[in-house]
Amino acid sequence: MKKVVTFGEIMLRLSPPGTLRFSQTNSFDVIYGGGESNVAVSLANYGVPVDFVSRLPQNDIGECAMMELRKRGVNVENIIWGGERLGIYFLETGAVSRGSKVVYDRAHSAIADIKPGMIDWDRVFDGAGWFHWTGITPAISQGAADACMEALQAADKHGVTISTDLNYRKKLWNYGKKSDEVMGPLVEYCDIILGNEEDAAEHFGIHPEGVDVTKGDSMEAAAFESVCKQVMKQFPRAKKVITTLRGSISASHNSWAGVLYNGSKMFTSPTYQITHIVDRVGGGDSFMGGLIYGLLKYPEDDQNALNFAVAASCLKHTIFGDANQVTVGEVEKLMSGDASGRVAR
């Protein structure tokens, strides 16, 4: 299997233990994670050769972030060094009716100051079969957006399959460009597009037909088909458009499913009830990692690929930290209907 390449920012996550509030804690748990690095860790767990490409500060914290990836089986040889700091985000984990909170401290991080020409993309994509990026990276800075375009052009030249998670983050788009100005030209290169109705609306002005989520209308699988068709019309290279369907009963209890549209047929996954969430951060990234694996393993079976992604990300909600730490066997066990959680002896 050819290697998968992901490109983006890995950050230091600082969280109060358990469900303590920021104002209650005297200590923070240390985790390293980020959208694209989380996808890379998932794929490494499934035995897929994967490179994570980024820019890290050459100090002890940057080294720790790299070591975390290396110990998870991710290739880090194409990470470049430079800049002054690793981005940080603080996470307060919610419970029941109290939602989680995120505070970013990532201005002037090493990757925010990246420039085109710093990464040898021809070397990165030598032997690669897949490239994954997210809408988070071009939201960080103009330099990161330019480097992302440089990567996409190189991946296209090398004939690599390209996927994106649209991942709209309102708090990040603050360097003078609106997301709809930047994202359109980037997404034109993509074969696989993951995003929900908010991502489609904020990036491209695309809205589901007959549904107004701002008025509390629920976003059912069938309603998303109109979004998929509009996305494919705007981005004709796209072969598949996918979304996750999260029902938030409380911060601790979510329903979880997904849909995939391949241009002619809509596939819907089983729905899981996740009744005692351990950590929902990285749920979408674990879905993307599972989806890439599923599409590589079952290239002619979109239903099975989707089911693998949903089951993998369902299990992620039981794992503390940003990245998924499950095996193919554990995912396939849940796919088969075994959700008992019994001790494996």
Protein backbone atom coordinates (compact mmCIF):
# COMPACT_ATOMS: atom_id res chain seq x y z
CA MET A 1 0.00 0.00 0.00
CA LYS A 2 1.33 3.45 -0.93
CA LYS A 3 1.85 5.91 1.87
CA VAL A 4 -0.63 8.56 2.96
CA VAL A 5 0.63 12.11 3.60
CA THR A 6 -1.08 14.57 5.95
CA PHE A 7 -0.12 18.22 6.40
CA GLY A 8 -1.05 20.59 9.20
CA GLU A 9 -0.39 21.75 12.73
CA ILE A 10 0.15 19.63 15.80
CA MET A 11 -0.46 21.48 19.06
CA LEU A 12 0.03 21.16 22.77
CA ARG A 13 -3.32 20.50 24.44
CA LEU A 14 -3.69 21.46 28.08
CA SER A 15 -6.78 20.17 29.89
CA PRO A 16 -7.94 20.27 33.51
CA PRO A 17 -8.14 16.72 34.87
CA GLY A 18 -11.49 15.01 34.37
CA THR A 19 -14.33 17.48 34.06
CA LEU A 20 -12.88 20.24 36.23
CA ARG A 21 -13.41 23.80 35.05
CA PHE A 22 -10.50 26.10 34.20
CA SER A 23 -11.24 28.07 37.37
CA GLN A 24 -11.03 24.93 39.53
CA THR A 25 -7.83 23.33 38.34
CA ASN A 26 -4.30 23.61 39.66
CA SER A 27 -2.83 21.34 36.98
CA PHE A 28 -3.28 20.41 33.33
CA ASP A 29 -3.05 17.10 31.52
CA VAL A 30 -0.65 17.30 28.56
CA ILE A 31 -1.72 15.91 25.19
CA TYR A 32 -0.37 16.54 21.68
CA GLY A 33 -2.80 16.62 18.79
CA GLY A 34 -4.22 18.37 15.76
CA GLY A 35 -6.61 17.57 12.94
CA GLU A 36 -4.14 16.20 10.43
CA SER A 37 -1.82 14.58 12.98
CA ASN A 38 -4.81 12.79 14.51
CA VAL A 39 -5.67 11.34 11.10
CA ALA A 40 -2.08 10.19 10.71
CA VAL A 41 -2.13 8.40 14.08
CA SER A 42 -5.37 6.59 13.19
CA LEU A 43 -3.89 5.36 9.91
CA ALA A 44 -0.68 4.22 11.59
CA ASN A 45 -2.78 2.20 14.06
CA TYR A 46 -4.40 0.46 11.08
CA GLY A 47 -1.03 -0.44 9.58
CA VAL A 48 -1.07 2.17 6.82
CA PRO A 49 2.29 3.83 6.08
CA VAL A 50 1.76 7.52 6.82
CA ASP A 51 3.81 10.72 6.88
CA PHE A 52 2.87 13.79 8.87
CA VAL A 53 4.32 17.02 7.47
CA SER A 54 4.52 20.17 9.56
CA ARG A 55 6.85 22.84 10.93
CA LEU A 56 7.90 22.61 14.57
CA PRO A 57 10.04 24.83 16.79
CA GLN A 58 13.39 23.28 17.54
CA ASN A 59 13.04 23.18 21.30
CA ASP A 60 12.06 20.59 23.89
CA ILE A 61 8.31 21.07 23.32
CA GLY A 62 8.63 20.68 19.57
CA GLU A 63 10.73 17.56 20.13
CA CYS A 64 8.06 16.14 22.47
CA ALA A 65 5.37 16.64 19.83
CA MET A 66 7.50 14.84 17.26
CA MET A 67 8.28 12.02 19.69
CA GLU A 68 4.56 11.51 20.34
CA LEU A 69 3.99 10.97 16.62
CA ARG A 70 7.00 8.72 16.23
CA LYS A 71 5.94 6.43 19.05
CA ARG A 72 2.53 6.04 17.36
CA GLY A 73 4.20 4.80 14.17
CA VAL A 74 3.91 8.00 12.13
CA ASN A 75 6.85 8.93 9.88
CA VAL A 76 8.20 12.37 10.86
CA GLU A 77 11.19 12.64 8.53
CA ASN A 78 9.51 15.37 6.46
CA ILE A 79 8.79 17.66 9.42
CA ILE A 80 10.85 20.83 9.14
CA TRP A 81 12.24 22.86 12.02
CA GLY A 82 11.86 26.58 12.60
CA GLY A 83 9.78 29.22 14.28
CA GLU A 84 9.56 30.11 17.92
CA ARG A 85 6.73 28.15 19.50
CA LEU A 86 4.28 25.30 19.34
CA GLY A 87 0.63 26.30 19.19
CA ILE A 88 -1.41 25.62 22.33
CA TYR A 89 -5.07 25.05 22.98
CA PHE A 90 -6.80 24.74 26.32
CA LEU A 91 -9.73 22.33 26.62
CA GLU A 92 -12.32 22.33 29.39
CA THR A 93 -14.28 19.07 29.12
CA GLY A 94 -18.02 19.46 29.55
CA ALA A 95 -20.47 17.05 31.12
CA VAL A 96 -24.22 16.49 30.80
CA SER A 97 -25.74 19.94 30.03
CA ARG A 98 -22.45 21.86 30.25
CA GLY A 99 -20.62 21.94 26.94
CA SER A 100 -16.87 21.76 26.46
CA LYS A 101 -14.84 24.93 25.87
CA VAL A 102 -11.73 25.59 23.80
CA VAL A 103 -9.35 28.54 24.19
CA TYR A 104 -6.69 28.94 21.48
CA ASP A 105 -3.17 30.26 22.02
CA ARG A 106 -1.63 29.56 18.63
CA ALA A 107 -0.74 32.96 17.15
CA HIS A 108 2.77 33.07 15.64
CA SER A 109 3.22 29.33 16.01
CA ALA A 110 5.92 27.67 13.91
CA ILE A 111 3.49 26.65 11.19
CA ALA A 112 1.69 29.99 11.21
CA ASP A 113 4.97 31.51 10.00
CA ILE A 114 5.56 28.89 7.29
CA LYS A 115 6.23 30.10 3.75
CA PRO A 116 6.07 28.42 0.33
CA GLY A 117 9.37 26.83 -0.66
CA MET A 118 10.22 25.61 2.84
CA ILE A 119 9.04 22.04 2.18
CA ASP A 120 10.31 19.86 -0.66
CA TRP A 121 6.93 18.55 -1.78
CA ASP A 122 8.34 16.48 -4.64
CA ARG A 123 10.33 14.51 -2.09
CA VAL A 124 7.31 14.27 0.25
CA PHE A 125 5.05 12.83 -2.45
CA ASP A 126 7.60 10.35 -3.80
CA GLY A 127 5.86 6.99 -3.33
CA ALA A 128 2.66 8.57 -1.95
CA GLY A 129 -0.84 7.53 -2.98
CA TRP A 130 -2.98 9.87 -0.87
CA PHE A 131 -2.78 13.41 0.52
CA HIS A 132 -5.02 14.77 3.28
CA TRP A 133 -5.39 18.35 4.51
CA THR A 134 -8.08 20.27 6.40
CA GLY A 135 -9.64 23.71 6.38
CA ILE A 136 -7.84 24.44 9.65
CA THR A 137 -4.44 24.86 7.99
CA PRO A 138 -5.30 27.66 5.53
CA ALA A 139 -7.20 29.42 8.33
CA ILE A 140 -4.02 29.82 10.40
CA SER A 141 -2.22 32.36 8.20
CA GLN A 142 -1.64 33.46 4.61
CA GLY A 143 1.67 31.62 4.64
CA ALA A 144 -0.01 28.38 5.73
CA ALA A 145 -2.67 28.81 3.04
CA ASP A 146 0.02 29.38 0.41
CA ALA A 147 1.97 26.32 1.58
CA CYS A 148 -1.23 24.29 1.41
CA MET A 149 -1.78 25.37 -2.20
CA GLU A 150 1.82 24.47 -2.99
CA ALA A 151 1.25 21.01 -1.50
CA LEU A 152 -1.97 20.49 -3.47
CA GLN A 153 -0.33 21.44 -6.75
CA ALA A 154 2.53 19.02 -6.09
CA ALA A 155 0.14 16.23 -5.06
CA ASP A 156 -1.87 16.79 -8.22
CA LYS A 157 1.30 16.62 -10.33
CA HIS A 158 2.19 13.30 -8.71
CA GLY A 159 -1.27 11.84 -9.40
CA VAL A 160 -2.10 11.49 -5.71
CA THR A 161 -5.69 11.10 -4.43
CA ILE A 162 -6.54 14.22 -2.40
CA SER A 163 -8.98 14.48 0.50
CA THR A 164 -10.04 17.33 2.74
CA ASP A 165 -12.02 17.85 5.91
CA LEU A 166 -13.52 21.33 5.46
CA ASN A 167 -13.39 22.02 9.22
CA TYR A 168 -14.64 25.61 9.46
CA ARG A 169 -13.19 27.31 12.56
CA LYS A 170 -14.58 30.81 13.02
CA LYS A 171 -12.00 31.78 15.66
CA LEU A 172 -9.08 31.14 13.29
CA TRP A 173 -10.03 33.20 10.22
CA ASN A 174 -8.58 36.48 11.42
CA TYR A 175 -5.66 37.39 9.14
CA GLY A 176 -7.72 39.50 6.76
CA LYS A 177 -9.06 36.87 4.38
CA LYS A 178 -12.51 35.30 4.50
CA SER A 179 -12.74 31.55 4.24
CA ASP A 180 -14.76 31.66 1.00
CA GLU A 181 -11.91 33.59 -0.67
CA VAL A 182 -9.29 31.00 0.27
CA MET A 183 -11.00 27.63 0.41
CA GLY A 184 -12.58 27.47 -3.05
CA PRO A 185 -9.33 27.34 -5.06
CA LEU A 186 -7.91 24.76 -2.64
CA VAL A 187 -10.93 22.45 -2.66
CA GLU A 188 -10.90 22.39 -6.47
CA TYR A 189 -8.04 19.88 -6.20
CA CYS A 190 -9.97 17.44 -3.99
CA ASP A 191 -11.34 14.00 -4.85
CA ILE A 192 -12.86 13.32 -1.41
CA ILE A 193 -14.63 16.04 0.61
CA LEU A 194 -15.74 15.67 4.22
CA GLY A 195 -17.82 18.43 5.78
CA ASN A 196 -21.10 19.19 7.47
CA GLU A 197 -23.80 21.69 6.56
CA GLU A 198 -22.11 24.47 8.56
CA ASP A 199 -18.82 23.96 6.72
CA ALA A 200 -20.60 24.08 3.35
CA ALA A 201 -22.53 27.20 4.32
CA GLU A 202 -19.61 29.15 5.77
CA HIS A 203 -17.05 28.26 3.11
CA PHE A 204 -19.18 28.18 -0.02
CA GLY A 205 -22.64 29.59 0.75
CA ILE A 206 -24.20 26.15 0.18
CA HIS A 207 -27.32 25.33 2.22
CA PRO A 208 -29.47 22.18 2.50
CA GLU A 209 -32.73 22.44 0.61
CA GLY A 210 -35.84 22.52 2.77
CA VAL A 211 -33.92 22.65 6.07
CA ASP A 212 -33.02 25.64 8.24
CA VAL A 213 -30.66 24.48 10.98
CA THR A 214 -30.59 28.02 12.43
CA LYS A 215 -34.27 27.53 13.35
CA GLY A 216 -33.67 24.19 14.99
CA ASP A 217 -34.50 21.93 12.03
CA SER A 218 -32.75 18.58 12.38
CA MET A 219 -30.22 17.62 9.73
CA GLU A 220 -31.26 14.15 8.57
CA ALA A 221 -29.28 12.04 6.11
CA ALA A 222 -31.68 12.67 3.22
CA ALA A 223 -31.44 16.44 3.64
CA PHE A 224 -27.68 16.32 3.22
CA GLU A 225 -28.00 14.89 -0.30
CA SER A 226 -28.85 18.35 -1.62
CA VAL A 227 -25.64 19.69 -0.02
CA CYS A 228 -23.60 16.90 -1.63
CA LYS A 229 -25.01 17.63 -5.08
CA GLN A 230 -24.32 21.35 -4.74
CA VAL A 231 -20.75 20.67 -3.56
CA MET A 232 -20.13 18.34 -6.51
CA LYS A 233 -21.53 20.89 -8.93
CA GLN A 234 -19.18 23.56 -7.58
CA PHE A 235 -16.22 21.16 -7.38
CA PRO A 236 -16.57 18.71 -10.30
CA ARG A 237 -13.37 16.82 -9.46
CA ALA A 238 -14.98 15.51 -6.25
CA LYS A 239 -15.95 11.85 -6.45
CA LYS A 240 -17.39 11.50 -2.96
CA VAL A 241 -18.88 13.91 -0.42
CA ILE A 242 -19.30 12.73 3.15
CA THR A 243 -20.57 14.05 6.44
CA THR A 244 -20.94 12.88 10.01
CA LEU A 245 -24.34 13.13 11.68
CA ARG A 246 -24.03 13.98 15.36
CA GLY A 247 -27.07 14.26 17.58
CA SER A 248 -26.15 16.09 20.78
CA ILE A 249 -28.49 14.88 23.50
CA SER A 250 -26.01 16.23 26.07
CA ALA A 251 -22.26 16.76 26.40
CA SER A 252 -22.05 13.18 27.66
CA HIS A 253 -24.53 11.50 25.30
CA ASN A 254 -24.44 11.80 21.51
CA SER A 255 -25.89 9.80 18.65
CA TRP A 256 -23.38 9.21 15.86
CA ALA A 257 -23.71 8.22 12.20
CA GLY A 258 -22.54 9.27 8.75
CA VAL A 259 -23.57 9.51 5.11
CA LEU A 260 -21.59 9.23 1.87
CA TYR A 261 -22.68 10.39 -1.58
CA ASN A 262 -20.73 9.12 -4.59
CA GLY A 263 -22.46 11.12 -7.29
CA SER A 264 -25.20 8.61 -7.93
CA LYS A 265 -26.09 6.97 -4.63
CA MET A 266 -26.37 8.03 -0.99
CA PHE A 267 -25.08 5.58 1.61
CA THR A 268 -26.15 5.79 5.26
CA SER A 269 -24.33 4.14 8.17
CA PRO A 270 -25.80 2.54 11.27
CA THR A 271 -26.45 4.97 14.12
CA TYR A 272 -24.61 4.50 17.41
CA GLN A 273 -25.67 5.83 20.80
CA ILE A 274 -22.58 7.02 22.67
CA THR A 275 -24.00 7.34 26.16
CA HIS A 276 -20.89 8.03 28.24
CA ILE A 277 -18.46 10.12 26.21
CA VAL A 278 -14.89 10.07 27.50
CA ASP A 279 -13.47 12.59 25.01
CA ARG A 280 -15.22 13.85 21.87
CA VAL A 281 -12.30 15.98 20.63
CA GLY A 282 -10.86 14.35 17.53
CA GLY A 283 -14.10 12.54 16.71
CA GLY A 284 -14.18 13.96 13.19
CA ASP A 285 -10.47 13.26 12.68
CA SER A 286 -10.96 9.63 13.72
CA PHE A 287 -13.83 9.42 11.24
CA MET A 288 -11.56 10.76 8.48
CA GLY A 289 -8.79 8.34 9.38
CA GLY A 290 -11.26 5.47 9.31
CA LEU A 291 -12.72 6.68 6.03
CA ILE A 292 -9.34 6.87 4.28
CA TYR A 293 -8.53 3.37 5.52
CA GLY A 294 -11.95 2.10 4.47
CA LEU A 295 -11.71 3.60 0.98
CA LEU A 296 -8.24 2.10 0.55
CA LYS A 297 -9.27 -1.35 1.84
CA TYR A 298 -12.72 -1.47 0.22
CA PRO A 299 -12.26 0.63 -2.96
CA GLU A 300 -15.41 -0.80 -4.55
CA ASP A 301 -17.55 -0.86 -1.41
CA ASP A 302 -18.52 2.63 -0.24
CA GLN A 303 -20.98 1.25 2.31
CA ASN A 304 -18.33 -0.79 4.08
CA ALA A 305 -15.86 2.11 3.99
CA LEU A 306 -18.44 4.41 5.56
CA ASN A 307 -19.40 1.84 8.20
CA PHE A 308 -15.74 1.41 9.16
CA ALA A 309 -15.30 5.19 9.55
CA VAL A 310 -18.37 5.56 11.76
CA ALA A 311 -17.50 2.57 13.96
CA ALA A 312 -13.90 3.79 14.34
CA SER A 313 -14.99 7.26 15.35
CA CYS A 314 -17.63 5.87 17.69
CA LEU A 315 -14.85 4.06 19.54
CA LYS A 316 -12.73 7.24 19.60
CA HIS A 317 -15.31 8.84 21.90
CA THR A 318 -14.22 6.28 24.52
CA ILE A 319 -10.52 7.25 24.25
CA PHE A 320 -8.96 10.08 26.24
CA GLY A 321 -6.89 12.45 24.13
CA ASP A 322 -7.05 13.86 20.60
CA ALA A 323 -6.08 10.80 18.58
CA ASN A 324 -7.82 7.46 18.16
CA GLN A 325 -6.05 4.49 19.72
CA VAL A 326 -7.97 1.51 18.36
CA THR A 327 -7.09 -1.38 16.08
CA VAL A 328 -8.72 -2.66 12.92
CA GLY A 329 -9.88 -5.72 14.86
CA GLU A 330 -11.63 -3.59 17.48
CA VAL A 331 -13.37 -1.54 14.79
CA GLU A 332 -14.48 -4.64 12.90
CA LYS A 333 -15.79 -6.14 16.13
CA LEU A 334 -18.07 -3.15 16.64
CA MET A 335 -19.08 -3.22 12.97
CA SER A 336 -20.19 -6.82 13.44
CA GLY A 337 -22.63 -5.72 16.15
CA ASP A 338 -20.60 -6.57 19.24
CA ALA A 339 -20.86 -3.46 21.44
CA SER A 340 -20.84 -5.40 24.70
CA GLY A 341 -17.53 -3.97 25.97
CA ARG A 342 -16.74 -7.28 27.65
CA VAL A 343 -13.25 -7.99 28.89
CA ALA A 344 -11.08 -9.63 26.23
CA ARG A 345 -9.28 -12.53 27.95
